[in-house]
Amino acid sequence: MISPHPPNWVPAGQWRHAYDGVQLPPLNYATGNIGELPYQTRMLLGLLGKEHDDPPAFPQGVPNMSYIDAPTGYGTTTSRYDYYNQAAFVDSKLGEMMAFLDRKGLADNTLVIFASDHGSELYDHGINNDKHNFLDASWRIPLILRLPHRVPKGETRSFATTLDITATIAAAAGAPIPIGWQGFDLLGPLSQGHDSPRKVGIGTEYRAHAVVTPSW
């Protein structure tokens, strides 16, 4: 399935124009950000020796917005508009799946989980459309659950990790969760109006490790 991930090829038709005329959020970038990244992050991102010269997105450390925000359909698959348009396409297809479950009367006994394996900096901090870092845009991803009558509708809880997805699926199926599993069942707490039992998450990139908490 097509997803917001390099190369961000957007299907022809309406999705190439979903964000036409929309001004995207400003970059979270300040001059010198590339050089301030930890050595290992620069190594993983291929930025060693390019701290002040990383074409084509940041020539001489200055954002090249004609590259970063090039209109979709002009031969690029690397602009922010490509990413946003592709995300709009995926959202639409997800809506079609939800409509199918409703139409067939399957929604009430189908656990739907929408998540991602990672996010992307999408040119924030001088980083291209890449995930190899411990910054929020790469770490904090959507985790949306739908199961009518058990998962509260339209409410937000914090917080969980993708480790918890497997345990949640097992719980929804009425299967016991093996002792050795590291994930938590989210369905039980959510159905009772509680938060997730998870308090901390751990991430690893090559030889570096980081801890993430619910606080933004």
N, C-alpha and C. Protein backbone atom coordinates (compact mmCIF):
# COMPACT_ATOMS: atom_id res chain seq x y z
N MET A 1 0.84 -1.20 0.00
CA MET A 1 0.00 0.00 0.00
C MET A 1 0.88 1.25 0.00
N ILE A 2 0.46 2.25 -0.75
CA ILE A 2 1.17 3.52 -0.75
C ILE A 2 1.07 4.16 0.63
N SER A 3 2.17 4.70 1.11
CA SER A 3 2.17 5.35 2.42
C SER A 3 3.11 6.53 2.39
N PRO A 4 2.97 7.48 3.33
CA PRO A 4 3.89 8.62 3.38
C PRO A 4 5.29 8.16 3.76
N HIS A 5 6.08 7.86 2.77
CA HIS A 5 7.43 7.32 3.00
C HIS A 5 8.22 7.52 1.71
N PRO A 6 9.48 7.90 1.82
CA PRO A 6 10.27 8.07 0.60
C PRO A 6 10.31 6.79 -0.22
N PRO A 7 10.25 6.87 -1.56
CA PRO A 7 9.98 8.09 -2.33
C PRO A 7 8.50 8.41 -2.27
N ASN A 8 8.17 9.67 -2.03
CA ASN A 8 6.78 10.08 -1.84
C ASN A 8 6.07 10.27 -3.18
N TRP A 9 5.82 9.14 -3.84
CA TRP A 9 5.09 9.20 -5.10
C TRP A 9 3.61 9.33 -4.81
N VAL A 10 2.98 10.33 -5.39
CA VAL A 10 1.57 10.60 -5.15
C VAL A 10 0.76 10.16 -6.36
N PRO A 11 -0.32 9.37 -6.16
CA PRO A 11 -1.13 8.93 -7.30
C PRO A 11 -1.67 10.11 -8.09
N ALA A 12 -1.82 9.91 -9.39
CA ALA A 12 -2.37 10.95 -10.23
C ALA A 12 -3.81 11.24 -9.84
N GLY A 13 -4.26 12.44 -10.16
CA GLY A 13 -5.64 12.80 -9.84
C GLY A 13 -5.72 13.76 -8.69
N GLN A 14 -6.81 13.67 -7.94
CA GLN A 14 -7.10 14.67 -6.91
C GLN A 14 -6.04 14.74 -5.82
N TRP A 15 -5.35 13.63 -5.54
CA TRP A 15 -4.42 13.62 -4.41
C TRP A 15 -3.17 14.44 -4.68
N ARG A 16 -2.86 14.68 -5.93
CA ARG A 16 -1.72 15.55 -6.24
C ARG A 16 -2.05 17.03 -5.98
N HIS A 17 -3.30 17.28 -5.69
CA HIS A 17 -3.74 18.65 -5.50
C HIS A 17 -4.44 18.86 -4.16
N ALA A 18 -4.32 17.88 -3.25
CA ALA A 18 -5.04 17.96 -1.98
C ALA A 18 -4.63 19.17 -1.16
N TYR A 19 -3.37 19.59 -1.30
CA TYR A 19 -2.87 20.72 -0.51
C TYR A 19 -2.53 21.93 -1.38
N ASP A 20 -3.08 21.98 -2.57
CA ASP A 20 -2.85 23.16 -3.41
C ASP A 20 -3.35 24.41 -2.69
N GLY A 21 -2.52 25.42 -2.65
CA GLY A 21 -2.93 26.68 -2.03
C GLY A 21 -2.85 26.69 -0.51
N VAL A 22 -2.42 25.58 0.09
CA VAL A 22 -2.31 25.50 1.54
C VAL A 22 -0.87 25.82 1.95
N GLN A 23 -0.72 26.73 2.88
CA GLN A 23 0.61 27.06 3.38
C GLN A 23 0.97 26.08 4.49
N LEU A 24 2.05 25.34 4.30
CA LEU A 24 2.45 24.34 5.28
C LEU A 24 3.11 25.02 6.48
N PRO A 25 3.17 24.32 7.62
CA PRO A 25 3.77 24.93 8.82
C PRO A 25 5.22 25.32 8.57
N PRO A 26 5.70 26.35 9.26
CA PRO A 26 7.10 26.74 9.09
C PRO A 26 8.03 25.63 9.55
N LEU A 27 9.20 25.57 8.97
CA LEU A 27 10.19 24.58 9.39
C LEU A 27 10.62 24.85 10.83
N ASN A 28 10.82 23.79 11.57
CA ASN A 28 11.42 23.91 12.90
C ASN A 28 12.93 23.86 12.70
N TYR A 29 13.47 24.99 12.29
CA TYR A 29 14.88 25.03 11.89
C TYR A 29 15.48 26.38 12.26
N ALA A 30 16.69 26.34 12.73
CA ALA A 30 17.45 27.56 12.98
C ALA A 30 18.85 27.37 12.41
N THR A 31 19.44 28.44 11.96
CA THR A 31 20.78 28.37 11.39
C THR A 31 21.74 27.69 12.36
N GLY A 32 22.47 26.71 11.87
CA GLY A 32 23.42 25.99 12.71
C GLY A 32 22.89 24.68 13.27
N ASN A 33 21.60 24.37 13.03
CA ASN A 33 21.02 23.15 13.59
C ASN A 33 21.77 21.89 13.16
N ILE A 34 22.19 21.84 11.90
CA ILE A 34 22.85 20.63 11.40
C ILE A 34 24.12 20.36 12.19
N GLY A 35 24.92 21.39 12.40
CA GLY A 35 26.17 21.22 13.15
C GLY A 35 25.95 20.90 14.61
N GLU A 36 24.76 21.21 15.14
CA GLU A 36 24.47 20.94 16.55
C GLU A 36 23.97 19.52 16.79
N LEU A 37 23.65 18.79 15.74
CA LEU A 37 23.18 17.42 15.91
C LEU A 37 24.31 16.55 16.47
N PRO A 38 23.99 15.58 17.33
CA PRO A 38 25.03 14.68 17.85
C PRO A 38 25.79 13.99 16.72
N TYR A 39 27.04 13.68 17.00
CA TYR A 39 27.90 13.05 15.99
C TYR A 39 27.24 11.82 15.39
N GLN A 40 26.70 10.95 16.23
CA GLN A 40 26.13 9.71 15.71
C GLN A 40 24.91 9.99 14.84
N THR A 41 24.11 10.98 15.19
CA THR A 41 22.97 11.34 14.36
C THR A 41 23.44 11.81 12.99
N ARG A 42 24.46 12.67 12.96
CA ARG A 42 24.98 13.14 11.68
C ARG A 42 25.54 11.99 10.87
N MET A 43 26.15 11.03 11.55
CA MET A 43 26.69 9.87 10.86
C MET A 43 25.57 9.06 10.22
N LEU A 44 24.50 8.80 10.98
CA LEU A 44 23.39 8.00 10.47
C LEU A 44 22.65 8.71 9.34
N LEU A 45 22.65 10.04 9.36
CA LEU A 45 21.93 10.82 8.36
C LEU A 45 22.80 11.20 7.16
N GLY A 46 24.07 10.79 7.18
CA GLY A 46 24.97 11.14 6.09
C GLY A 46 25.33 12.61 6.07
N LEU A 47 25.36 13.24 7.25
CA LEU A 47 25.63 14.67 7.34
C LEU A 47 27.03 15.01 7.83
N LEU A 48 27.86 14.01 8.06
CA LEU A 48 29.22 14.30 8.48
C LEU A 48 29.95 15.08 7.38
N GLY A 49 30.55 16.19 7.76
CA GLY A 49 31.25 17.02 6.80
C GLY A 49 30.34 17.94 6.00
N LYS A 50 29.05 17.87 6.27
CA LYS A 50 28.09 18.71 5.54
C LYS A 50 27.37 19.66 6.49
N GLU A 51 27.97 19.91 7.62
CA GLU A 51 27.30 20.72 8.63
C GLU A 51 26.94 22.12 8.15
N HIS A 52 27.68 22.62 7.18
CA HIS A 52 27.40 23.96 6.66
C HIS A 52 27.11 23.95 5.16
N ASP A 53 27.02 22.76 4.59
CA ASP A 53 26.79 22.69 3.14
C ASP A 53 26.15 21.35 2.82
N ASP A 54 24.81 21.31 2.76
CA ASP A 54 24.10 20.05 2.52
C ASP A 54 23.08 20.21 1.41
N PRO A 55 23.53 20.38 0.18
CA PRO A 55 22.58 20.53 -0.93
C PRO A 55 21.85 19.20 -1.17
N PRO A 56 20.65 19.23 -1.79
CA PRO A 56 19.99 20.43 -2.30
C PRO A 56 19.05 21.09 -1.29
N ALA A 57 18.76 20.44 -0.15
CA ALA A 57 17.76 21.00 0.76
C ALA A 57 18.29 22.18 1.58
N PHE A 58 19.59 22.13 1.96
CA PHE A 58 20.15 23.18 2.82
C PHE A 58 21.52 23.65 2.30
N PRO A 59 21.58 24.19 1.11
CA PRO A 59 22.87 24.67 0.62
C PRO A 59 23.40 25.80 1.49
N GLN A 60 24.65 25.63 1.92
CA GLN A 60 25.28 26.61 2.82
C GLN A 60 24.46 26.81 4.09
N GLY A 61 23.75 25.76 4.49
CA GLY A 61 23.00 25.82 5.74
C GLY A 61 21.73 26.65 5.68
N VAL A 62 21.29 27.00 4.46
CA VAL A 62 20.08 27.82 4.30
C VAL A 62 19.00 26.96 3.63
N PRO A 63 17.78 26.91 4.19
CA PRO A 63 16.73 26.09 3.59
C PRO A 63 16.43 26.50 2.15
N ASN A 64 16.45 25.54 1.25
CA ASN A 64 16.09 25.77 -0.14
C ASN A 64 14.60 25.43 -0.29
N MET A 65 13.74 26.41 -0.05
CA MET A 65 12.31 26.15 0.00
C MET A 65 11.74 25.77 -1.37
N SER A 66 12.40 26.14 -2.46
CA SER A 66 11.92 25.73 -3.77
C SER A 66 12.07 24.22 -3.95
N TYR A 67 12.98 23.62 -3.21
CA TYR A 67 13.16 22.17 -3.21
C TYR A 67 12.28 21.54 -2.13
N ILE A 68 12.31 22.10 -0.94
CA ILE A 68 11.59 21.53 0.20
C ILE A 68 10.08 21.58 -0.01
N ASP A 69 9.58 22.66 -0.62
CA ASP A 69 8.14 22.81 -0.84
C ASP A 69 7.79 22.90 -2.32
N ALA A 70 8.47 22.11 -3.14
CA ALA A 70 8.13 22.09 -4.57
C ALA A 70 6.73 21.52 -4.74
N PRO A 71 5.94 22.06 -5.68
CA PRO A 71 4.58 21.55 -5.90
C PRO A 71 4.61 20.10 -6.38
N THR A 72 3.68 19.31 -5.91
CA THR A 72 3.57 17.92 -6.36
C THR A 72 3.25 17.87 -7.85
N GLY A 73 3.86 16.91 -8.53
CA GLY A 73 3.59 16.76 -9.94
C GLY A 73 4.60 17.43 -10.84
N TYR A 74 5.63 18.04 -10.26
CA TYR A 74 6.67 18.70 -11.04
C TYR A 74 7.95 17.86 -11.07
N GLY A 75 7.79 16.56 -11.00
CA GLY A 75 8.93 15.67 -11.12
C GLY A 75 9.64 15.39 -9.81
N THR A 76 9.12 15.89 -8.69
CA THR A 76 9.77 15.65 -7.40
C THR A 76 8.98 14.65 -6.58
N THR A 77 9.68 13.89 -5.77
CA THR A 77 9.02 13.01 -4.78
C THR A 77 9.61 13.28 -3.41
N THR A 78 10.21 14.46 -3.26
CA THR A 78 10.92 14.74 -2.01
C THR A 78 10.39 15.96 -1.28
N SER A 79 9.40 16.64 -1.82
CA SER A 79 8.94 17.86 -1.17
C SER A 79 7.95 17.55 -0.05
N ARG A 80 7.73 18.53 0.81
CA ARG A 80 6.76 18.37 1.89
C ARG A 80 5.34 18.20 1.32
N TYR A 81 5.07 18.84 0.20
CA TYR A 81 3.73 18.68 -0.40
C TYR A 81 3.51 17.25 -0.87
N ASP A 82 4.55 16.59 -1.36
CA ASP A 82 4.42 15.18 -1.73
C ASP A 82 4.01 14.36 -0.51
N TYR A 83 4.67 14.60 0.61
CA TYR A 83 4.39 13.86 1.84
C TYR A 83 2.97 14.12 2.32
N TYR A 84 2.57 15.38 2.38
CA TYR A 84 1.23 15.73 2.85
C TYR A 84 0.15 15.18 1.92
N ASN A 85 0.35 15.30 0.62
CA ASN A 85 -0.63 14.78 -0.33
C ASN A 85 -0.76 13.27 -0.23
N GLN A 86 0.36 12.59 -0.04
CA GLN A 86 0.32 11.15 0.10
C GLN A 86 -0.39 10.75 1.38
N ALA A 87 -0.18 11.51 2.46
CA ALA A 87 -0.89 11.25 3.71
C ALA A 87 -2.39 11.43 3.53
N ALA A 88 -2.80 12.43 2.76
CA ALA A 88 -4.23 12.64 2.49
C ALA A 88 -4.81 11.45 1.73
N PHE A 89 -4.05 10.90 0.80
CA PHE A 89 -4.49 9.72 0.07
C PHE A 89 -4.70 8.54 1.02
N VAL A 90 -3.75 8.32 1.91
CA VAL A 90 -3.86 7.22 2.87
C VAL A 90 -5.07 7.43 3.79
N ASP A 91 -5.27 8.67 4.25
CA ASP A 91 -6.43 8.95 5.11
C ASP A 91 -7.73 8.59 4.40
N SER A 92 -7.82 8.90 3.13
CA SER A 92 -9.02 8.59 2.37
C SER A 92 -9.25 7.08 2.29
N LYS A 93 -8.19 6.34 2.02
CA LYS A 93 -8.32 4.88 1.91
C LYS A 93 -8.69 4.27 3.26
N LEU A 94 -8.16 4.83 4.33
CA LEU A 94 -8.54 4.35 5.66
C LEU A 94 -10.03 4.61 5.90
N GLY A 95 -10.50 5.77 5.47
CA GLY A 95 -11.92 6.06 5.60
C GLY A 95 -12.78 5.07 4.83
N GLU A 96 -12.32 4.65 3.65
CA GLU A 96 -13.05 3.66 2.88
C GLU A 96 -13.12 2.33 3.62
N MET A 97 -12.05 1.95 4.30
CA MET A 97 -12.05 0.71 5.07
C MET A 97 -13.04 0.80 6.24
N MET A 98 -13.06 1.96 6.93
CA MET A 98 -14.00 2.13 8.04
C MET A 98 -15.44 2.07 7.54
N ALA A 99 -15.69 2.70 6.40
CA ALA A 99 -17.03 2.69 5.82
C ALA A 99 -17.45 1.28 5.45
N PHE A 100 -16.52 0.47 4.95
CA PHE A 100 -16.82 -0.91 4.60
C PHE A 100 -17.23 -1.71 5.85
N LEU A 101 -16.48 -1.55 6.94
CA LEU A 101 -16.82 -2.26 8.18
C LEU A 101 -18.21 -1.85 8.67
N ASP A 102 -18.49 -0.56 8.59
CA ASP A 102 -19.82 -0.08 9.03
C ASP A 102 -20.92 -0.64 8.13
N ARG A 103 -20.68 -0.61 6.84
CA ARG A 103 -21.70 -1.05 5.87
C ARG A 103 -22.00 -2.53 6.01
N LYS A 104 -20.98 -3.33 6.34
CA LYS A 104 -21.16 -4.78 6.45
C LYS A 104 -21.55 -5.22 7.86
N GLY A 105 -21.71 -4.26 8.78
CA GLY A 105 -22.08 -4.61 10.14
C GLY A 105 -20.97 -5.28 10.92
N LEU A 106 -19.73 -5.00 10.57
CA LEU A 106 -18.58 -5.65 11.21
C LEU A 106 -17.88 -4.75 12.23
N ALA A 107 -18.28 -3.49 12.32
CA ALA A 107 -17.54 -2.52 13.13
C ALA A 107 -17.52 -2.88 14.61
N ASP A 108 -18.64 -3.37 15.13
CA ASP A 108 -18.74 -3.59 16.58
C ASP A 108 -17.85 -4.71 17.09
N ASN A 109 -17.41 -5.61 16.22
CA ASN A 109 -16.52 -6.68 16.69
C ASN A 109 -15.21 -6.71 15.92
N THR A 110 -14.80 -5.55 15.44
CA THR A 110 -13.51 -5.44 14.74
C THR A 110 -12.66 -4.38 15.42
N LEU A 111 -11.51 -4.79 15.93
CA LEU A 111 -10.56 -3.85 16.51
C LEU A 111 -9.72 -3.26 15.39
N VAL A 112 -9.80 -1.96 15.22
CA VAL A 112 -9.01 -1.27 14.20
C VAL A 112 -7.90 -0.50 14.90
N ILE A 113 -6.67 -0.69 14.44
CA ILE A 113 -5.52 0.01 15.00
C ILE A 113 -4.80 0.72 13.87
N PHE A 114 -4.65 2.02 14.01
CA PHE A 114 -3.92 2.81 13.02
C PHE A 114 -2.66 3.33 13.69
N ALA A 115 -1.52 2.99 13.12
CA ALA A 115 -0.24 3.40 13.71
C ALA A 115 0.80 3.50 12.61
N SER A 116 2.02 3.76 13.00
CA SER A 116 3.14 3.86 12.07
C SER A 116 4.38 3.32 12.76
N ASP A 117 5.37 2.94 11.98
CA ASP A 117 6.60 2.44 12.60
C ASP A 117 7.51 3.59 13.04
N HIS A 118 7.34 4.76 12.44
CA HIS A 118 8.14 5.92 12.83
C HIS A 118 7.58 7.15 12.15
N GLY A 119 8.05 8.30 12.58
CA GLY A 119 7.69 9.55 11.92
C GLY A 119 8.83 10.02 11.04
N SER A 120 8.85 11.31 10.76
CA SER A 120 9.90 11.88 9.91
C SER A 120 10.13 13.33 10.30
N GLU A 121 11.38 13.76 10.22
CA GLU A 121 11.67 15.16 10.50
C GLU A 121 11.14 16.07 9.39
N LEU A 122 11.09 15.58 8.17
CA LEU A 122 10.54 16.32 7.05
C LEU A 122 11.15 17.72 6.97
N TYR A 123 12.48 17.76 7.06
CA TYR A 123 13.31 18.95 6.92
C TYR A 123 13.43 19.80 8.18
N ASP A 124 12.79 19.43 9.26
CA ASP A 124 13.04 20.12 10.52
C ASP A 124 14.49 19.88 10.95
N HIS A 125 15.08 20.85 11.63
CA HIS A 125 16.43 20.76 12.20
C HIS A 125 17.51 20.53 11.15
N GLY A 126 17.19 20.81 9.88
CA GLY A 126 18.17 20.59 8.82
C GLY A 126 18.27 19.15 8.36
N ILE A 127 17.31 18.32 8.79
CA ILE A 127 17.30 16.90 8.43
C ILE A 127 16.31 16.70 7.28
N ASN A 128 16.64 15.84 6.36
CA ASN A 128 15.74 15.57 5.25
C ASN A 128 14.53 14.76 5.73
N ASN A 129 13.86 14.09 4.82
CA ASN A 129 12.72 13.24 5.17
C ASN A 129 13.28 11.95 5.75
N ASP A 130 13.70 12.01 7.02
CA ASP A 130 14.45 10.90 7.62
C ASP A 130 14.02 10.70 9.07
N LYS A 131 14.30 9.49 9.57
CA LYS A 131 13.85 9.08 10.90
C LYS A 131 14.99 8.83 11.87
N HIS A 132 16.22 8.79 11.43
CA HIS A 132 17.32 8.30 12.26
C HIS A 132 17.78 9.34 13.28
N ASN A 133 16.95 9.57 14.27
CA ASN A 133 17.27 10.51 15.33
C ASN A 133 16.28 10.30 16.47
N PHE A 134 16.49 11.01 17.56
CA PHE A 134 15.62 10.90 18.72
C PHE A 134 14.73 12.13 18.91
N LEU A 135 14.46 12.86 17.85
CA LEU A 135 13.63 14.04 17.93
C LEU A 135 12.14 13.68 17.84
N ASP A 136 11.29 14.56 18.37
CA ASP A 136 9.88 14.25 18.51
C ASP A 136 9.19 13.85 17.22
N ALA A 137 9.47 14.55 16.13
CA ALA A 137 8.76 14.27 14.88
C ALA A 137 9.03 12.85 14.38
N SER A 138 10.18 12.28 14.75
CA SER A 138 10.50 10.92 14.35
C SER A 138 9.94 9.89 15.33
N TRP A 139 9.84 10.28 16.59
CA TRP A 139 9.43 9.34 17.64
C TRP A 139 7.93 9.28 17.86
N ARG A 140 7.29 10.43 17.91
CA ARG A 140 5.89 10.47 18.33
C ARG A 140 4.99 10.27 17.11
N ILE A 141 4.32 9.13 17.09
CA ILE A 141 3.52 8.72 15.94
C ILE A 141 2.07 8.51 16.36
N PRO A 142 1.15 8.47 15.41
CA PRO A 142 -0.24 8.21 15.78
C PRO A 142 -0.45 6.77 16.23
N LEU A 143 -1.29 6.58 17.22
CA LEU A 143 -1.76 5.25 17.62
C LEU A 143 -3.24 5.42 17.95
N ILE A 144 -4.08 5.07 16.99
CA ILE A 144 -5.52 5.28 17.09
C ILE A 144 -6.22 3.92 17.11
N LEU A 145 -7.09 3.71 18.09
CA LEU A 145 -7.82 2.47 18.22
C LEU A 145 -9.31 2.72 18.06
N ARG A 146 -9.99 1.80 17.38
CA ARG A 146 -11.45 1.86 17.30
C ARG A 146 -12.03 0.49 17.57
N LEU A 147 -12.87 0.41 18.58
CA LEU A 147 -13.66 -0.78 18.87
C LEU A 147 -14.90 -0.30 19.62
N PRO A 148 -16.00 -0.09 18.89
CA PRO A 148 -17.20 0.46 19.51
C PRO A 148 -17.62 -0.30 20.77
N HIS A 149 -18.06 0.47 21.76
CA HIS A 149 -18.55 -0.02 23.04
C HIS A 149 -17.44 -0.48 24.00
N ARG A 150 -16.21 -0.45 23.54
CA ARG A 150 -15.10 -0.82 24.42
C ARG A 150 -14.03 0.26 24.47
N VAL A 151 -13.75 0.89 23.34
CA VAL A 151 -12.79 1.99 23.30
C VAL A 151 -13.57 3.30 23.22
N PRO A 152 -13.40 4.22 24.18
CA PRO A 152 -14.14 5.49 24.15
C PRO A 152 -13.91 6.24 22.84
N LYS A 153 -14.97 6.80 22.31
CA LYS A 153 -14.90 7.52 21.04
C LYS A 153 -14.48 8.96 21.26
N GLY A 154 -13.54 9.42 20.43
CA GLY A 154 -13.16 10.82 20.43
C GLY A 154 -12.38 11.27 21.65
N GLU A 155 -11.77 10.36 22.36
CA GLU A 155 -10.99 10.72 23.55
C GLU A 155 -9.51 10.42 23.33
N THR A 156 -8.67 11.11 24.08
CA THR A 156 -7.22 10.96 23.96
C THR A 156 -6.65 10.41 25.25
N ARG A 157 -5.78 9.45 25.12
CA ARG A 157 -5.08 8.90 26.27
C ARG A 157 -3.57 8.99 26.02
N SER A 158 -2.79 8.87 27.07
CA SER A 158 -1.35 8.81 26.91
C SER A 158 -0.84 7.80 27.93
N PHE A 159 0.19 7.05 27.62
CA PHE A 159 0.83 7.04 26.32
C PHE A 159 1.18 5.60 26.05
N ALA A 160 1.64 5.20 24.87
CA ALA A 160 1.89 3.81 24.56
C ALA A 160 3.04 3.73 23.56
N THR A 161 3.46 2.52 23.27
CA THR A 161 4.46 2.29 22.22
C THR A 161 3.95 1.18 21.32
N THR A 162 4.62 1.00 20.20
CA THR A 162 4.21 -0.06 19.28
C THR A 162 4.38 -1.45 19.90
N LEU A 163 5.17 -1.57 20.95
CA LEU A 163 5.27 -2.85 21.66
C LEU A 163 3.92 -3.27 22.22
N ASP A 164 3.06 -2.30 22.50
CA ASP A 164 1.78 -2.60 23.12
C ASP A 164 0.72 -3.08 22.13
N ILE A 165 0.98 -2.95 20.85
CA ILE A 165 -0.02 -3.33 19.86
C ILE A 165 -0.29 -4.83 19.89
N THR A 166 0.76 -5.63 19.94
CA THR A 166 0.58 -7.09 19.91
C THR A 166 -0.20 -7.57 21.12
N ALA A 167 0.13 -7.06 22.29
CA ALA A 167 -0.58 -7.46 23.50
C ALA A 167 -2.04 -7.03 23.45
N THR A 168 -2.31 -5.88 22.87
CA THR A 168 -3.68 -5.38 22.75
C THR A 168 -4.50 -6.26 21.81
N ILE A 169 -3.89 -6.69 20.72
CA ILE A 169 -4.58 -7.59 19.78
C ILE A 169 -4.89 -8.92 20.46
N ALA A 170 -3.92 -9.44 21.19
CA ALA A 170 -4.15 -10.70 21.90
C ALA A 170 -5.29 -10.57 22.90
N ALA A 171 -5.31 -9.47 23.64
CA ALA A 171 -6.37 -9.26 24.62
C ALA A 171 -7.73 -9.14 23.95
N ALA A 172 -7.79 -8.46 22.83
CA ALA A 172 -9.05 -8.30 22.11
C ALA A 172 -9.59 -9.64 21.62
N ALA A 173 -8.67 -10.56 21.31
CA ALA A 173 -9.07 -11.89 20.84
C ALA A 173 -9.36 -12.84 21.99
N GLY A 174 -9.18 -12.37 23.23
CA GLY A 174 -9.43 -13.22 24.39
C GLY A 174 -8.32 -14.20 24.68
N ALA A 175 -7.13 -13.94 24.13
CA ALA A 175 -6.00 -14.84 24.34
C ALA A 175 -5.17 -14.34 25.51
N PRO A 176 -4.55 -15.25 26.26
CA PRO A 176 -3.67 -14.83 27.36
C PRO A 176 -2.41 -14.18 26.82
N ILE A 177 -1.90 -13.20 27.54
CA ILE A 177 -0.67 -12.53 27.13
C ILE A 177 0.51 -13.24 27.79
N PRO A 178 1.41 -13.80 27.00
CA PRO A 178 2.56 -14.52 27.57
C PRO A 178 3.36 -13.65 28.53
N ILE A 179 3.91 -14.27 29.55
CA ILE A 179 4.66 -13.53 30.57
C ILE A 179 5.84 -12.79 29.98
N GLY A 180 6.49 -13.36 28.99
CA GLY A 180 7.69 -12.75 28.43
C GLY A 180 7.45 -11.57 27.52
N TRP A 181 6.20 -11.28 27.18
CA TRP A 181 5.93 -10.15 26.30
C TRP A 181 6.18 -8.84 27.02
N GLN A 182 6.76 -7.87 26.30
CA GLN A 182 7.06 -6.58 26.91
C GLN A 182 5.91 -5.57 26.77
N GLY A 183 4.95 -5.85 25.91
CA GLY A 183 3.87 -4.91 25.67
C GLY A 183 2.75 -5.00 26.69
N PHE A 184 1.99 -3.91 26.81
CA PHE A 184 0.83 -3.87 27.70
C PHE A 184 -0.45 -3.97 26.87
N ASP A 185 -1.47 -4.60 27.47
CA ASP A 185 -2.80 -4.57 26.89
C ASP A 185 -3.38 -3.17 27.11
N LEU A 186 -3.75 -2.49 26.05
CA LEU A 186 -4.34 -1.16 26.16
C LEU A 186 -5.86 -1.22 26.21
N LEU A 187 -6.42 -2.30 25.72
CA LEU A 187 -7.87 -2.39 25.61
C LEU A 187 -8.54 -2.39 26.98
N GLY A 188 -7.98 -3.16 27.92
CA GLY A 188 -8.58 -3.22 29.26
C GLY A 188 -8.65 -1.87 29.93
N PRO A 189 -7.52 -1.16 30.07
CA PRO A 189 -7.56 0.16 30.70
C PRO A 189 -8.45 1.16 29.97
N LEU A 190 -8.40 1.17 28.64
CA LEU A 190 -9.21 2.12 27.88
C LEU A 190 -10.70 1.88 28.08
N SER A 191 -11.10 0.62 28.08
CA SER A 191 -12.52 0.30 28.24
C SER A 191 -13.03 0.66 29.63
N GLN A 192 -12.12 0.84 30.58
CA GLN A 192 -12.50 1.21 31.94
C GLN A 192 -12.26 2.69 32.22
N GLY A 193 -11.91 3.44 31.18
CA GLY A 193 -11.72 4.88 31.34
C GLY A 193 -10.38 5.28 31.90
N HIS A 194 -9.41 4.37 31.89
CA HIS A 194 -8.09 4.66 32.44
C HIS A 194 -7.08 4.95 31.34
N ASP A 195 -5.94 5.48 31.75
CA ASP A 195 -4.83 5.68 30.83
C ASP A 195 -4.09 4.36 30.61
N SER A 196 -3.18 4.40 29.66
CA SER A 196 -2.30 3.27 29.43
C SER A 196 -1.42 3.04 30.66
N PRO A 197 -1.11 1.79 30.97
CA PRO A 197 -0.20 1.53 32.09
C PRO A 197 1.25 1.87 31.79
N ARG A 198 1.57 2.16 30.55
CA ARG A 198 2.96 2.44 30.18
C ARG A 198 3.39 3.81 30.68
N LYS A 199 4.57 3.87 31.25
CA LYS A 199 5.11 5.13 31.78
C LYS A 199 6.34 5.61 31.04
N VAL A 200 7.00 4.72 30.30
CA VAL A 200 8.24 5.09 29.64
C VAL A 200 8.45 4.19 28.43
N GLY A 201 9.13 4.74 27.43
CA GLY A 201 9.51 3.96 26.26
C GLY A 201 11.00 4.09 26.01
N ILE A 202 11.58 3.08 25.42
CA ILE A 202 13.02 3.06 25.16
C ILE A 202 13.25 2.94 23.66
N GLY A 203 14.16 3.74 23.14
CA GLY A 203 14.51 3.67 21.73
C GLY A 203 15.99 3.44 21.54
N THR A 204 16.34 2.79 20.44
CA THR A 204 17.73 2.50 20.13
C THR A 204 18.03 2.88 18.67
N GLU A 205 19.10 3.58 18.46
CA GLU A 205 19.59 3.88 17.11
C GLU A 205 21.08 3.56 17.07
N TYR A 206 21.41 2.47 16.39
CA TYR A 206 22.80 2.05 16.26
C TYR A 206 23.38 1.81 17.66
N ARG A 207 24.26 2.66 18.16
CA ARG A 207 24.84 2.46 19.49
C ARG A 207 24.31 3.42 20.53
N ALA A 208 23.30 4.18 20.17
CA ALA A 208 22.74 5.16 21.10
C ALA A 208 21.37 4.71 21.60
N HIS A 209 21.02 5.14 22.80
CA HIS A 209 19.73 4.79 23.40
C HIS A 209 19.11 6.06 23.98
N ALA A 210 17.80 6.07 24.03
CA ALA A 210 17.11 7.23 24.58
C ALA A 210 15.83 6.78 25.27
N VAL A 211 15.36 7.60 26.18
CA VAL A 211 14.16 7.34 26.94
C VAL A 211 13.12 8.40 26.56
N VAL A 212 11.88 7.97 26.33
CA VAL A 212 10.81 8.91 26.03
C VAL A 212 9.70 8.73 27.06
N THR A 213 9.10 9.84 27.46
CA THR A 213 8.04 9.85 28.48
C THR A 213 6.79 10.52 27.89
N PRO A 214 5.67 10.46 28.61
CA PRO A 214 4.45 11.08 28.08
C PRO A 214 4.55 12.59 27.92
N SER A 215 5.43 13.25 28.62
CA SER A 215 5.50 14.72 28.56
C SER A 215 6.00 15.18 27.19
N TRP A 216 5.37 16.22 26.67
CA TRP A 216 5.79 16.78 25.40
C TRP A 216 6.84 17.85 25.63
